[in-house]
Amino acid sequence: MKIVVLDHPRENPGEIDWSELERLGETRIYSRAPADRLAEIVGDAEVVFLNKSPLTREVIEACPNIKYISVIATGYNTVDVQAAAERGIPVSNVPSYGTGAIAQHAIALLMEITNHVAYNDAEVRKGRQGEEAGDWCFWDYPSIELENKTMGIIGLGRIGQYVARAAVAFGMKVVAFDKFESDEMKGIGVEYVDLDTLLGVSDVISLHCPLFEDTKGIINRESIAKMKDGVIIINNSRGALIDGEALAEALVSGKVYAAGLDAMATEPPSLDDPLLKAPNCFITPHISWAALECRQRLVKYSIDNFKSYLAGKPTNVVN
């Protein structure tokens, strides 16, 4: 069996073991296959593993030997799943490999906004708390207390639920917008509301929903206008959930106090992206998932999906 890995999670030497996959067939592994050569690189392979490579209808149709596609990620919008389904090709993803770490990063973005740890560290190192300053403390941005404030979570799946538990631990009220309701979440005090209600009552809005046509640009000029003045927005889900220009304008005007982003609509962002110049916008380079433990699980679970397919019982099929 011929297997090709088009791209995979970033790794340092020795971090991720591909030997189990290599035992299952003749395997070619690319750290990042050129997008304009994917059809050529897939060639006559029967199994395709990929992370971000765009497996379009054109590529799928040009490679008739493909029998199975394993996405080394949760999001599978890089694969034309309809084209694959038409050819009877199952596409599997990894729905849960770093739930805790991704939620942890969302909270880290929020903590940076509320407590300005990196900024204050830099100012101390400049000597502002030294002998010349003559004071035992200083602040340019007063810390924001989260207790008794409202966290609105759009998308209360595995990651959103983790964030909800953290918010409750901080003493926050939590409201959520999701088509599915969890009795467990209700049990810890989460209230399910419609989107407009969430926008109107939340002090912090955290996005944890997938990117589909009905969620693309869910944060836009119209939805921002419905929010409280001074709201905080967190997004480490998918960049295109937010209209970047609208968010940048709201940050400049102060309608949105701050944003913490680990995903951008275009990655890497262009240097003229308005969010790079907007005030109080904290951006990290799509690294919520990057803990070593997460990357190792991601590859292992992708291979497990393939082994289930070989056993005639494919798992985590998205089409």
C-alpha atoms as a PDB file:
ATOM      1  CA  MET A   1       0.000   0.000   0.000  1.00  0.00           C
ATOM      2  CA  LYS A   2       1.352   3.410  -0.971  1.00  0.00           C
ATOM      3  CA  ILE A   3       1.006   6.172   1.618  1.00  0.00           C
ATOM      4  CA  VAL A   4       1.926   9.830   1.294  1.00  0.00           C
ATOM      5  CA  VAL A   5       2.086  12.431   4.069  1.00  0.00           C
ATOM      6  CA  LEU A   6       1.752  15.842   2.415  1.00  0.00           C
ATOM      7  CA  ASP A   7       2.532  17.880   5.519  1.00  0.00           C
ATOM      8  CA  HIS A   8       2.449  17.339   9.231  1.00  0.00           C
ATOM      9  CA  PRO A   9       2.686  19.111  12.579  1.00  0.00           C
ATOM     10  CA  ARG A  10       5.922  21.013  13.069  1.00  0.00           C
ATOM     11  CA  GLU A  11       8.519  18.933  14.893  1.00  0.00           C
ATOM     12  CA  ASN A  12      12.081  18.949  16.077  1.00  0.00           C
ATOM     13  CA  PRO A  13      14.214  15.862  15.370  1.00  0.00           C
ATOM     14  CA  GLY A  14      13.058  12.866  17.373  1.00  0.00           C
ATOM     15  CA  GLU A  15       9.841  14.396  18.678  1.00  0.00           C
ATOM     16  CA  ILE A  16       7.362  12.443  16.546  1.00  0.00           C
ATOM     17  CA  ASP A  17       7.654   8.768  15.632  1.00  0.00           C
ATOM     18  CA  TRP A  18       6.368   7.817  12.162  1.00  0.00           C
ATOM     19  CA  SER A  19       7.608   4.216  12.292  1.00  0.00           C
ATOM     20  CA  GLU A  20       4.152   2.784  12.970  1.00  0.00           C
ATOM     21  CA  LEU A  21       2.842   4.349   9.757  1.00  0.00           C
ATOM     22  CA  GLU A  22       5.866   3.175   7.812  1.00  0.00           C
ATOM     23  CA  ARG A  23       5.148  -0.411   8.909  1.00  0.00           C
ATOM     24  CA  LEU A  24       1.699  -0.165   7.292  1.00  0.00           C
ATOM     25  CA  GLY A  25       2.918   0.548   3.786  1.00  0.00           C
ATOM     26  CA  GLU A  26       5.396   2.231   1.479  1.00  0.00           C
ATOM     27  CA  THR A  27       5.457   5.715   2.995  1.00  0.00           C
ATOM     28  CA  ARG A  28       6.686   9.057   1.680  1.00  0.00           C
ATOM     29  CA  ILE A  29       6.693  11.931   4.164  1.00  0.00           C
ATOM     30  CA  TYR A  30       6.934  15.611   3.227  1.00  0.00           C
ATOM     31  CA  SER A  31       7.319  18.339   5.818  1.00  0.00           C
ATOM     32  CA  ARG A  32       5.438  20.644   3.447  1.00  0.00           C
ATOM     33  CA  ALA A  33       4.543  19.618  -0.092  1.00  0.00           C
ATOM     34  CA  PRO A  34       4.244  22.511  -2.594  1.00  0.00           C
ATOM     35  CA  ALA A  35       0.551  23.290  -3.096  1.00  0.00           C
ATOM     36  CA  ASP A  36       0.924  23.583  -6.882  1.00  0.00           C
ATOM     37  CA  ARG A  37       2.420  20.081  -7.124  1.00  0.00           C
ATOM     38  CA  LEU A  38       0.046  18.113  -4.914  1.00  0.00           C
ATOM     39  CA  ALA A  39      -1.462  16.013  -7.701  1.00  0.00           C
ATOM     40  CA  GLU A  40       2.014  15.076  -8.890  1.00  0.00           C
ATOM     41  CA  ILE A  41       3.218  14.286  -5.357  1.00  0.00           C
ATOM     42  CA  VAL A  42       0.149  12.213  -4.426  1.00  0.00           C
ATOM     43  CA  GLY A  43       0.471  10.390  -7.736  1.00  0.00           C
ATOM     44  CA  ASP A  44      -0.684   6.786  -7.402  1.00  0.00           C
ATOM     45  CA  ALA A  45      -0.824   6.808  -3.587  1.00  0.00           C
ATOM     46  CA  GLU A  46      -3.799   5.038  -2.041  1.00  0.00           C
ATOM     47  CA  VAL A  47      -3.679   6.787   1.321  1.00  0.00           C
ATOM     48  CA  VAL A  48      -3.133  10.505   1.930  1.00  0.00           C
ATOM     49  CA  PHE A  49      -2.281  12.112   5.262  1.00  0.00           C
ATOM     50  CA  LEU A  50      -2.364  15.896   5.438  1.00  0.00           C
ATOM     51  CA  ASN A  51      -2.522  18.806   7.836  1.00  0.00           C
ATOM     52  CA  LYS A  52      -2.919  22.087   5.919  1.00  0.00           C
ATOM     53  CA  SER A  53      -2.343  21.055   2.303  1.00  0.00           C
ATOM     54  CA  PRO A  54      -5.368  21.879   0.089  1.00  0.00           C
ATOM     55  CA  LEU A  55      -6.722  18.597  -1.216  1.00  0.00           C
ATOM     56  CA  THR A  56      -9.101  20.075  -3.778  1.00  0.00           C
ATOM     57  CA  ARG A  57     -11.558  18.395  -6.127  1.00  0.00           C
ATOM     58  CA  GLU A  58      -8.997  18.816  -8.911  1.00  0.00           C
ATOM     59  CA  VAL A  59      -6.309  16.975  -6.954  1.00  0.00           C
ATOM     60  CA  ILE A  60      -8.696  14.210  -5.882  1.00  0.00           C
ATOM     61  CA  GLU A  61      -9.923  13.680  -9.448  1.00  0.00           C
ATOM     62  CA  ALA A  62      -6.351  13.681 -10.775  1.00  0.00           C
ATOM     63  CA  CYS A  63      -5.373  10.897  -8.348  1.00  0.00           C
ATOM     64  CA  PRO A  64      -7.824   8.028  -8.936  1.00  0.00           C
ATOM     65  CA  ASN A  65      -5.972   5.579  -6.671  1.00  0.00           C
ATOM     66  CA  ILE A  66      -6.861   7.444  -3.482  1.00  0.00           C
ATOM     67  CA  LYS A  67      -8.908   5.218  -1.183  1.00  0.00           C
ATOM     68  CA  TYR A  68      -8.579   6.947   2.186  1.00  0.00           C
ATOM     69  CA  ILE A  69      -7.717  10.436   3.511  1.00  0.00           C
ATOM     70  CA  SER A  70      -6.547  11.071   7.084  1.00  0.00           C
ATOM     71  CA  VAL A  71      -6.551  14.694   8.233  1.00  0.00           C
ATOM     72  CA  ILE A  72      -3.905  15.299  10.899  1.00  0.00           C
ATOM     73  CA  ALA A  73      -6.070  18.004  12.479  1.00  0.00           C
ATOM     74  CA  THR A  74      -9.551  18.688  13.782  1.00  0.00           C
ATOM     75  CA  GLY A  75     -10.525  21.166  11.062  1.00  0.00           C
ATOM     76  CA  TYR A  76     -10.963  19.532   7.659  1.00  0.00           C
ATOM     77  CA  ASN A  77     -11.872  22.531   5.493  1.00  0.00           C
ATOM     78  CA  THR A  78      -8.670  21.976   3.484  1.00  0.00           C
ATOM     79  CA  VAL A  79     -10.228  18.839   1.965  1.00  0.00           C
ATOM     80  CA  ASP A  80     -13.066  18.849  -0.558  1.00  0.00           C
ATOM     81  CA  VAL A  81     -15.025  16.283   1.432  1.00  0.00           C
ATOM     82  CA  GLN A  82     -17.884  16.297  -1.082  1.00  0.00           C
ATOM     83  CA  ALA A  83     -15.552  15.372  -3.945  1.00  0.00           C
ATOM     84  CA  ALA A  84     -14.084  12.615  -1.777  1.00  0.00           C
ATOM     85  CA  ALA A  85     -17.543  11.306  -0.860  1.00  0.00           C
ATOM     86  CA  GLU A  86     -18.563  11.179  -4.520  1.00  0.00           C
ATOM     87  CA  ARG A  87     -15.653   8.818  -5.123  1.00  0.00           C
ATOM     88  CA  GLY A  88     -16.357   6.739  -2.024  1.00  0.00           C
ATOM     89  CA  ILE A  89     -13.259   8.002  -0.210  1.00  0.00           C
ATOM     90  CA  PRO A  90     -13.709   8.299   3.571  1.00  0.00           C
ATOM     91  CA  VAL A  91     -12.100  11.327   5.188  1.00  0.00           C
ATOM     92  CA  SER A  92     -11.222  11.077   8.888  1.00  0.00           C
ATOM     93  CA  ASN A  93     -10.128  13.844  11.252  1.00  0.00           C
ATOM     94  CA  VAL A  94      -8.909  13.997  14.855  1.00  0.00           C
ATOM     95  CA  PRO A  95     -11.695  15.626  16.856  1.00  0.00           C
ATOM     96  CA  SER A  96      -9.851  15.730  20.161  1.00  0.00           C
ATOM     97  CA  TYR A  97      -6.106  15.728  20.715  1.00  0.00           C
ATOM     98  CA  GLY A  98      -5.320  18.936  22.589  1.00  0.00           C
ATOM     99  CA  THR A  99      -8.533  20.077  24.240  1.00  0.00           C
ATOM    100  CA  GLY A 100      -6.891  21.162  27.463  1.00  0.00           C
ATOM    101  CA  ALA A 101      -3.904  22.849  25.840  1.00  0.00           C
ATOM    102  CA  ILE A 102      -6.049  24.801  23.364  1.00  0.00           C
ATOM    103  CA  ALA A 103      -8.383  25.968  26.115  1.00  0.00           C
ATOM    104  CA  GLN A 104      -5.312  26.838  28.195  1.00  0.00           C
ATOM    105  CA  HIS A 105      -4.077  29.117  25.409  1.00  0.00           C
ATOM    106  CA  ALA A 106      -7.433  30.874  25.208  1.00  0.00           C
ATOM    107  CA  ILE A 107      -7.193  31.602  28.919  1.00  0.00           C
ATOM    108  CA  ALA A 108      -3.546  32.697  28.485  1.00  0.00           C
ATOM    109  CA  LEU A 109      -4.645  35.270  25.896  1.00  0.00           C
ATOM    110  CA  LEU A 110      -7.315  36.494  28.295  1.00  0.00           C
ATOM    111  CA  MET A 111      -4.819  36.690  31.169  1.00  0.00           C
ATOM    112  CA  GLU A 112      -2.417  38.758  29.076  1.00  0.00           C
ATOM    113  CA  ILE A 113      -5.227  41.218  28.366  1.00  0.00           C
ATOM    114  CA  THR A 114      -6.429  41.430  31.963  1.00  0.00           C
ATOM    115  CA  ASN A 115      -3.010  41.419  33.651  1.00  0.00           C
ATOM    116  CA  HIS A 116      -0.474  42.567  30.984  1.00  0.00           C
ATOM    117  CA  VAL A 117       2.183  40.186  32.278  1.00  0.00           C
ATOM    118  CA  ALA A 118       4.587  40.506  29.333  1.00  0.00           C
ATOM    119  CA  TYR A 119       4.284  44.306  29.226  1.00  0.00           C
ATOM    120  CA  ASN A 120       4.888  44.725  32.943  1.00  0.00           C
ATOM    121  CA  ASP A 121       7.836  42.340  32.856  1.00  0.00           C
ATOM    122  CA  ALA A 122       9.418  44.447  30.093  1.00  0.00           C
ATOM    123  CA  GLU A 123       8.822  47.674  32.023  1.00  0.00           C
ATOM    124  CA  VAL A 124      10.404  46.285  35.203  1.00  0.00           C
ATOM    125  CA  ARG A 125      13.456  45.287  33.177  1.00  0.00           C
ATOM    126  CA  LYS A 126      13.724  48.883  31.935  1.00  0.00           C
ATOM    127  CA  GLY A 127      14.182  49.973  35.538  1.00  0.00           C
ATOM    128  CA  ARG A 128      10.811  51.556  36.192  1.00  0.00           C
ATOM    129  CA  GLN A 129      10.605  49.819  39.559  1.00  0.00           C
ATOM    130  CA  GLY A 130      14.249  50.437  40.384  1.00  0.00           C
ATOM    131  CA  GLU A 131      15.890  52.925  42.700  1.00  0.00           C
ATOM    132  CA  GLU A 132      15.347  55.849  40.319  1.00  0.00           C
ATOM    133  CA  ALA A 133      11.621  55.151  40.098  1.00  0.00           C
ATOM    134  CA  GLY A 134      11.365  55.236  43.872  1.00  0.00           C
ATOM    135  CA  ASP A 135       8.097  53.371  44.198  1.00  0.00           C
ATOM    136  CA  TRP A 136       7.182  49.813  45.071  1.00  0.00           C
ATOM    137  CA  CYS A 137       4.664  49.375  42.254  1.00  0.00           C
ATOM    138  CA  PHE A 138       3.358  51.023  39.103  1.00  0.00           C
ATOM    139  CA  TRP A 139       0.860  50.313  36.358  1.00  0.00           C
ATOM    140  CA  ASP A 140      -0.038  51.698  32.974  1.00  0.00           C
ATOM    141  CA  TYR A 141      -2.958  49.308  32.575  1.00  0.00           C
ATOM    142  CA  PRO A 142      -4.922  48.502  35.734  1.00  0.00           C
ATOM    143  CA  SER A 143      -5.618  44.783  36.046  1.00  0.00           C
ATOM    144  CA  ILE A 144      -9.138  43.661  35.217  1.00  0.00           C
ATOM    145  CA  GLU A 145     -10.927  41.447  37.730  1.00  0.00           C
ATOM    146  CA  LEU A 146     -12.889  38.644  36.090  1.00  0.00           C
ATOM    147  CA  GLU A 147     -14.968  37.624  39.081  1.00  0.00           C
ATOM    148  CA  ASN A 148     -18.676  38.483  38.603  1.00  0.00           C
ATOM    149  CA  LYS A 149     -18.179  39.338  34.942  1.00  0.00           C
ATOM    150  CA  THR A 150     -19.880  37.389  32.154  1.00  0.00           C
ATOM    151  CA  MET A 151     -18.070  35.083  29.764  1.00  0.00           C
ATOM    152  CA  GLY A 152     -19.912  34.369  26.511  1.00  0.00           C
ATOM    153  CA  ILE A 153     -18.764  31.248  24.672  1.00  0.00           C
ATOM    154  CA  ILE A 154     -19.727  30.743  21.041  1.00  0.00           C
ATOM    155  CA  GLY A 155     -19.408  27.010  20.450  1.00  0.00           C
ATOM    156  CA  LEU A 156     -19.611  24.910  23.612  1.00  0.00           C
ATOM    157  CA  GLY A 157     -17.943  21.751  22.386  1.00  0.00           C
ATOM    158  CA  ARG A 158     -15.014  20.029  24.080  1.00  0.00           C
ATOM    159  CA  ILE A 159     -12.724  23.086  24.083  1.00  0.00           C
ATOM    160  CA  GLY A 160     -15.495  25.534  24.886  1.00  0.00           C
ATOM    161  CA  GLN A 161     -16.510  23.404  27.866  1.00  0.00           C
ATOM    162  CA  TYR A 162     -12.959  23.441  29.168  1.00  0.00           C
ATOM    163  CA  VAL A 163     -12.929  27.249  28.915  1.00  0.00           C
ATOM    164  CA  ALA A 164     -16.321  27.395  30.634  1.00  0.00           C
ATOM    165  CA  ARG A 165     -14.978  25.442  33.613  1.00  0.00           C
ATOM    166  CA  ALA A 166     -12.011  27.810  33.881  1.00  0.00           C
ATOM    167  CA  ALA A 167     -14.307  30.834  33.725  1.00  0.00           C
ATOM    168  CA  VAL A 168     -16.528  29.388  36.449  1.00  0.00           C
ATOM    169  CA  ALA A 169     -13.407  28.815  38.558  1.00  0.00           C
ATOM    170  CA  PHE A 170     -12.642  32.525  38.222  1.00  0.00           C
ATOM    171  CA  GLY A 171     -16.107  33.303  39.560  1.00  0.00           C
ATOM    172  CA  MET A 172     -17.520  34.363  36.197  1.00  0.00           C
ATOM    173  CA  LYS A 173     -21.050  33.854  34.972  1.00  0.00           C
ATOM    174  CA  VAL A 174     -21.013  31.832  31.750  1.00  0.00           C
ATOM    175  CA  VAL A 175     -23.495  32.020  28.878  1.00  0.00           C
ATOM    176  CA  ALA A 176     -23.175  29.926  25.740  1.00  0.00           C
ATOM    177  CA  PHE A 177     -24.502  29.775  22.195  1.00  0.00           C
ATOM    178  CA  ASP A 178     -24.531  26.279  20.705  1.00  0.00           C
ATOM    179  CA  LYS A 179     -27.070  24.121  18.885  1.00  0.00           C
ATOM    180  CA  PHE A 180     -26.446  21.260  21.344  1.00  0.00           C
ATOM    181  CA  GLU A 181     -26.986  21.681  25.079  1.00  0.00           C
ATOM    182  CA  SER A 182     -25.025  19.810  27.733  1.00  0.00           C
ATOM    183  CA  ASP A 183     -26.626  18.833  31.025  1.00  0.00           C
ATOM    184  CA  GLU A 184     -23.147  18.719  32.562  1.00  0.00           C
ATOM    185  CA  MET A 185     -22.536  22.350  31.580  1.00  0.00           C
ATOM    186  CA  LYS A 186     -25.931  23.367  32.906  1.00  0.00           C
ATOM    187  CA  GLY A 187     -24.983  21.621  36.116  1.00  0.00           C
ATOM    188  CA  ILE A 188     -22.026  23.956  36.676  1.00  0.00           C
ATOM    189  CA  GLY A 189     -24.179  27.005  35.991  1.00  0.00           C
ATOM    190  CA  VAL A 190     -23.784  27.609  32.263  1.00  0.00           C
ATOM    191  CA  GLU A 191     -26.838  29.241  30.689  1.00  0.00           C
ATOM    192  CA  TYR A 192     -27.622  28.592  27.022  1.00  0.00           C
ATOM    193  CA  VAL A 193     -28.851  31.703  25.194  1.00  0.00           C
ATOM    194  CA  ASP A 194     -29.391  32.914  21.644  1.00  0.00           C
ATOM    195  CA  LEU A 195     -26.546  34.709  19.880  1.00  0.00           C
ATOM    196  CA  ASP A 196     -27.952  38.226  20.230  1.00  0.00           C
ATOM    197  CA  THR A 197     -28.407  37.755  23.966  1.00  0.00           C
ATOM    198  CA  LEU A 198     -24.853  36.491  24.327  1.00  0.00           C
ATOM    199  CA  LEU A 199     -23.489  39.457  22.379  1.00  0.00           C
ATOM    200  CA  GLY A 200     -25.420  41.889  24.544  1.00  0.00           C
ATOM    201  CA  VAL A 201     -24.554  40.591  28.019  1.00  0.00           C
ATOM    202  CA  SER A 202     -20.970  39.355  27.716  1.00  0.00           C
ATOM    203  CA  ASP A 203     -17.911  41.133  29.080  1.00  0.00           C
ATOM    204  CA  VAL A 204     -15.685  38.545  27.401  1.00  0.00           C
ATOM    205  CA  ILE A 205     -16.590  36.646  24.226  1.00  0.00           C
ATOM    206  CA  SER A 206     -14.553  33.525  23.392  1.00  0.00           C
ATOM    207  CA  LEU A 207     -14.930  31.723  20.056  1.00  0.00           C
ATOM    208  CA  HIS A 208     -14.704  27.930  19.981  1.00  0.00           C
ATOM    209  CA  CYS A 209     -16.841  26.964  16.992  1.00  0.00           C
ATOM    210  CA  PRO A 210     -15.820  25.356  13.686  1.00  0.00           C
ATOM    211  CA  LEU A 211     -15.582  27.370  10.484  1.00  0.00           C
ATOM    212  CA  PHE A 212     -18.622  26.756   8.295  1.00  0.00           C
ATOM    213  CA  GLU A 213     -20.567  29.028   5.968  1.00  0.00           C
ATOM    214  CA  ASP A 214     -22.949  29.998   8.767  1.00  0.00           C
ATOM    215  CA  THR A 215     -20.108  30.858  11.179  1.00  0.00           C
ATOM    216  CA  LYS A 216     -17.757  32.618   8.758  1.00  0.00           C
ATOM    217  CA  GLY A 217     -17.546  36.262   9.824  1.00  0.00           C
ATOM    218  CA  ILE A 218     -19.820  35.673  12.820  1.00  0.00           C
ATOM    219  CA  ILE A 219     -17.981  38.571  14.443  1.00  0.00           C
ATOM    220  CA  ASN A 220     -18.611  41.502  12.118  1.00  0.00           C
ATOM    221  CA  ARG A 221     -19.705  45.145  12.249  1.00  0.00           C
ATOM    222  CA  GLU A 222     -23.314  44.206  12.926  1.00  0.00           C
ATOM    223  CA  SER A 223     -22.554  41.737  15.709  1.00  0.00           C
ATOM    224  CA  ILE A 224     -19.963  44.043  17.287  1.00  0.00           C
ATOM    225  CA  ALA A 225     -22.551  46.824  17.412  1.00  0.00           C
ATOM    226  CA  LYS A 226     -24.701  44.563  19.623  1.00  0.00           C
ATOM    227  CA  MET A 227     -21.898  44.028  22.143  1.00  0.00           C
ATOM    228  CA  LYS A 228     -21.197  45.889  25.362  1.00  0.00           C
ATOM    229  CA  ASP A 229     -18.801  48.801  25.121  1.00  0.00           C
ATOM    230  CA  GLY A 230     -15.363  47.632  26.236  1.00  0.00           C
ATOM    231  CA  VAL A 231     -15.902  43.947  25.491  1.00  0.00           C
ATOM    232  CA  ILE A 232     -12.933  41.572  25.218  1.00  0.00           C
ATOM    233  CA  ILE A 233     -12.838  39.098  22.294  1.00  0.00           C
ATOM    234  CA  ILE A 234     -10.798  35.873  22.280  1.00  0.00           C
ATOM    235  CA  ASN A 235     -10.367  33.697  19.201  1.00  0.00           C
ATOM    236  CA  ASN A 236      -8.068  30.706  18.953  1.00  0.00           C
ATOM    237  CA  SER A 237     -10.433  28.694  16.790  1.00  0.00           C
ATOM    238  CA  ARG A 238     -10.496  29.817  13.141  1.00  0.00           C
ATOM    239  CA  GLY A 239      -9.396  33.244  11.942  1.00  0.00           C
ATOM    240  CA  ALA A 240     -12.180  33.652   9.401  1.00  0.00           C
ATOM    241  CA  LEU A 241     -14.779  33.609  12.168  1.00  0.00           C
ATOM    242  CA  ILE A 242     -13.901  37.303  12.529  1.00  0.00           C
ATOM    243  CA  ASP A 243     -14.113  40.144  10.020  1.00  0.00           C
ATOM    244  CA  GLY A 244     -10.647  41.543  10.677  1.00  0.00           C
ATOM    245  CA  GLU A 245     -11.343  45.027   9.378  1.00  0.00           C
ATOM    246  CA  ALA A 246     -14.454  45.330  11.532  1.00  0.00           C
ATOM    247  CA  LEU A 247     -12.572  44.179  14.635  1.00  0.00           C
ATOM    248  CA  ALA A 248      -9.679  46.549  13.953  1.00  0.00           C
ATOM    249  CA  GLU A 249     -12.098  49.476  13.626  1.00  0.00           C
ATOM    250  CA  ALA A 250     -13.767  48.493  16.912  1.00  0.00           C
ATOM    251  CA  LEU A 251     -10.415  48.310  18.683  1.00  0.00           C
ATOM    252  CA  VAL A 252      -9.453  51.757  17.401  1.00  0.00           C
ATOM    253  CA  SER A 253     -12.786  53.243  18.498  1.00  0.00           C
ATOM    254  CA  GLY A 254     -12.655  51.511  21.888  1.00  0.00           C
ATOM    255  CA  LYS A 255     -15.937  49.670  21.333  1.00  0.00           C
ATOM    256  CA  VAL A 256     -13.854  46.516  21.801  1.00  0.00           C
ATOM    257  CA  TYR A 257     -11.382  46.998  24.650  1.00  0.00           C
ATOM    258  CA  ALA A 258      -9.007  44.240  23.547  1.00  0.00           C
ATOM    259  CA  ALA A 259      -8.697  41.105  21.442  1.00  0.00           C
ATOM    260  CA  GLY A 260      -6.594  37.990  21.917  1.00  0.00           C
ATOM    261  CA  LEU A 261      -6.080  36.075  18.674  1.00  0.00           C
ATOM    262  CA  ASP A 262      -4.253  32.874  17.847  1.00  0.00           C
ATOM    263  CA  ALA A 263      -5.857  32.499  14.429  1.00  0.00           C
ATOM    264  CA  MET A 264      -6.038  34.952  11.547  1.00  0.00           C
ATOM    265  CA  ALA A 265      -8.139  34.841   8.382  1.00  0.00           C
ATOM    266  CA  THR A 266      -4.925  34.761   6.326  1.00  0.00           C
ATOM    267  CA  GLU A 267      -1.921  32.939   7.733  1.00  0.00           C
ATOM    268  CA  PRO A 268       0.689  34.166   7.871  1.00  0.00           C
ATOM    269  CA  PRO A 269      -0.985  37.607   7.975  1.00  0.00           C
ATOM    270  CA  SER A 270       0.236  40.260   5.579  1.00  0.00           C
ATOM    271  CA  LEU A 271       2.179  43.082   7.197  1.00  0.00           C
ATOM    272  CA  ASP A 272      -0.576  45.530   6.239  1.00  0.00           C
ATOM    273  CA  ASP A 273      -3.280  43.528   8.043  1.00  0.00           C
ATOM    274  CA  PRO A 274      -5.155  46.168  10.092  1.00  0.00           C
ATOM    275  CA  LEU A 275      -5.185  43.918  13.167  1.00  0.00           C
ATOM    276  CA  LEU A 276      -1.372  44.081  13.350  1.00  0.00           C
ATOM    277  CA  LYS A 277      -1.646  47.831  13.872  1.00  0.00           C
ATOM    278  CA  ALA A 278      -4.762  47.916  16.037  1.00  0.00           C
ATOM    279  CA  PRO A 279      -4.391  48.891  19.706  1.00  0.00           C
ATOM    280  CA  ASN A 280      -4.804  46.288  22.443  1.00  0.00           C
ATOM    281  CA  CYS A 281      -4.689  43.423  19.961  1.00  0.00           C
ATOM    282  CA  PHE A 282      -2.606  40.484  21.175  1.00  0.00           C
ATOM    283  CA  ILE A 283      -1.686  37.993  18.458  1.00  0.00           C
ATOM    284  CA  THR A 284       0.132  34.667  18.700  1.00  0.00           C
ATOM    285  CA  PRO A 285       1.169  32.589  15.639  1.00  0.00           C
ATOM    286  CA  HIS A 286      -1.485  29.828  15.691  1.00  0.00           C
ATOM    287  CA  ILE A 287       0.264  27.871  18.450  1.00  0.00           C
ATOM    288  CA  SER A 288      -2.588  26.816  20.760  1.00  0.00           C
ATOM    289  CA  TRP A 289      -2.137  23.233  19.590  1.00  0.00           C
ATOM    290  CA  ALA A 290       1.676  23.214  19.643  1.00  0.00           C
ATOM    291  CA  ALA A 291       2.482  21.480  22.944  1.00  0.00           C
ATOM    292  CA  LEU A 292       4.646  18.437  22.246  1.00  0.00           C
ATOM    293  CA  GLU A 293       2.094  16.156  23.891  1.00  0.00           C
ATOM    294  CA  CYS A 294      -0.616  17.480  21.558  1.00  0.00           C
ATOM    295  CA  ARG A 295       1.454  16.981  18.423  1.00  0.00           C
ATOM    296  CA  GLN A 296       2.380  13.450  19.404  1.00  0.00           C
ATOM    297  CA  ARG A 297      -1.268  12.571  20.084  1.00  0.00           C
ATOM    298  CA  LEU A 298      -2.338  14.179  16.817  1.00  0.00           C
ATOM    299  CA  VAL A 299      -0.094  11.936  14.743  1.00  0.00           C
ATOM    300  CA  LYS A 300      -0.888   8.833  16.815  1.00  0.00           C
ATOM    301  CA  TYR A 301      -4.662   9.351  16.542  1.00  0.00           C
ATOM    302  CA  SER A 302      -4.407   9.991  12.783  1.00  0.00           C
ATOM    303  CA  ILE A 303      -2.592   6.687  12.367  1.00  0.00           C
ATOM    304  CA  ASP A 304      -5.171   5.001  14.630  1.00  0.00           C
ATOM    305  CA  ASN A 305      -7.907   6.292  12.284  1.00  0.00           C
ATOM    306  CA  PHE A 306      -6.083   4.685   9.371  1.00  0.00           C
ATOM    307  CA  LYS A 307      -5.712   1.375  11.217  1.00  0.00           C
ATOM    308  CA  SER A 308      -9.456   1.405  11.909  1.00  0.00           C
ATOM    309  CA  TYR A 309     -10.047   1.910   8.174  1.00  0.00           C
ATOM    310  CA  LEU A 310      -7.790  -1.042   7.391  1.00  0.00           C
ATOM    311  CA  ALA A 311      -9.824  -3.125   9.833  1.00  0.00           C
ATOM    312  CA  GLY A 312     -12.979  -2.238   7.936  1.00  0.00           C
ATOM    313  CA  LYS A 313     -14.350   0.054  10.671  1.00  0.00           C
ATOM    314  CA  PRO A 314     -13.307   3.625   9.786  1.00  0.00           C
ATOM    315  CA  THR A 315     -13.561   6.087  12.672  1.00  0.00           C
ATOM    316  CA  ASN A 316     -14.057   9.854  12.911  1.00  0.00           C
ATOM    317  CA  VAL A 317     -15.304  10.001   9.322  1.00  0.00           C
ATOM    318  CA  VAL A 318     -16.487  13.527   8.428  1.00  0.00           C
ATOM    319  CA  ASN A 319     -18.114  12.777   5.076  1.00  0.00           C
END
